[in-house]
C-alpha cells in the first residue's frame, strides 16, 4: 500500500513486473494478481512483461 500512497500523493501511476513474486518467488499468480487488483482498485497500475 505504500506504493499506492506514494503514487497518489505525487500524481503518478504504478508499474509492476508481470507475475511479480510468482516465478522465482513461488507465489500463486492468481492470488498475487487479486491482491494487486484489490490494492489498486481505484488507481492506474501497469504490468510490464519482459519479452526475451
Protein backbone atom coordinates (compact mmCIF):
# COMPACT_ATOMS: atom_id res chain seq x y z
CA UNK A 1 0.00 0.00 0.00
CA UNK A 2 2.99 2.30 0.35
CA UNK A 3 3.47 2.26 -3.42
CA UNK A 4 -0.17 3.22 -3.93
CA UNK A 5 0.05 6.07 -1.45
CA UNK A 6 3.33 7.33 -2.91
CA UNK A 7 1.88 7.30 -6.43
CA UNK A 8 -1.30 9.06 -5.30
CA UNK A 9 0.48 11.77 -3.36
CA UNK A 10 2.80 12.50 -6.30
CA UNK A 11 0.23 12.31 -9.10
CA UNK A 12 1.79 9.15 -10.54
CA UNK A 13 0.59 5.75 -11.70
CA UNK A 14 2.17 2.48 -10.58
CA UNK A 15 4.08 -0.04 -12.70
CA UNK A 16 4.98 -3.58 -11.66
CA UNK A 17 6.62 -6.55 -13.35
CA UNK A 18 4.13 -9.10 -14.72
CA UNK A 19 3.93 -12.17 -12.44
CA UNK A 20 5.83 -10.38 -9.67
CA UNK A 21 6.66 -12.84 -6.90
CA UNK A 22 5.32 -15.79 -8.87
CA UNK A 23 8.15 -17.14 -10.95
CA UNK A 24 11.19 -17.22 -8.69
CA UNK A 25 9.21 -16.41 -5.55
CA UNK A 26 6.83 -19.33 -5.99
CA UNK A 27 3.62 -17.41 -5.21
CA UNK A 28 0.38 -18.27 -6.99
CA UNK A 29 -0.03 -15.62 -9.70
CA UNK A 30 -3.82 -15.61 -9.40
CA UNK A 31 -3.53 -14.76 -5.70
CA UNK A 32 -0.89 -12.07 -6.34
CA UNK A 33 -2.95 -10.58 -9.18
CA UNK A 34 -6.02 -10.50 -6.93
CA UNK A 35 -4.05 -8.56 -4.31
CA UNK A 36 -2.84 -6.09 -6.94
CA UNK A 37 -6.40 -5.61 -8.20
CA UNK A 38 -7.69 -5.02 -4.66
CA UNK A 39 -4.93 -2.62 -3.60
CA UNK A 40 -5.09 -0.61 -6.83
CA UNK A 41 -8.85 -0.88 -7.47
CA UNK A 42 -9.20 2.91 -7.66
CA UNK A 43 -5.84 3.63 -9.28
CA UNK A 44 -3.99 3.00 -12.51
CA UNK A 45 -1.41 0.23 -12.49
CA UNK A 46 0.59 -1.14 -15.42
CA UNK A 47 2.05 -4.65 -15.53
CA UNK A 48 5.15 -4.99 -17.72
CA UNK A 49 6.01 -8.32 -19.31
CA UNK A 50 9.61 -8.89 -20.38
CA UNK A 51 9.95 -10.40 -23.82
CA UNK A 52 13.06 -12.45 -24.31
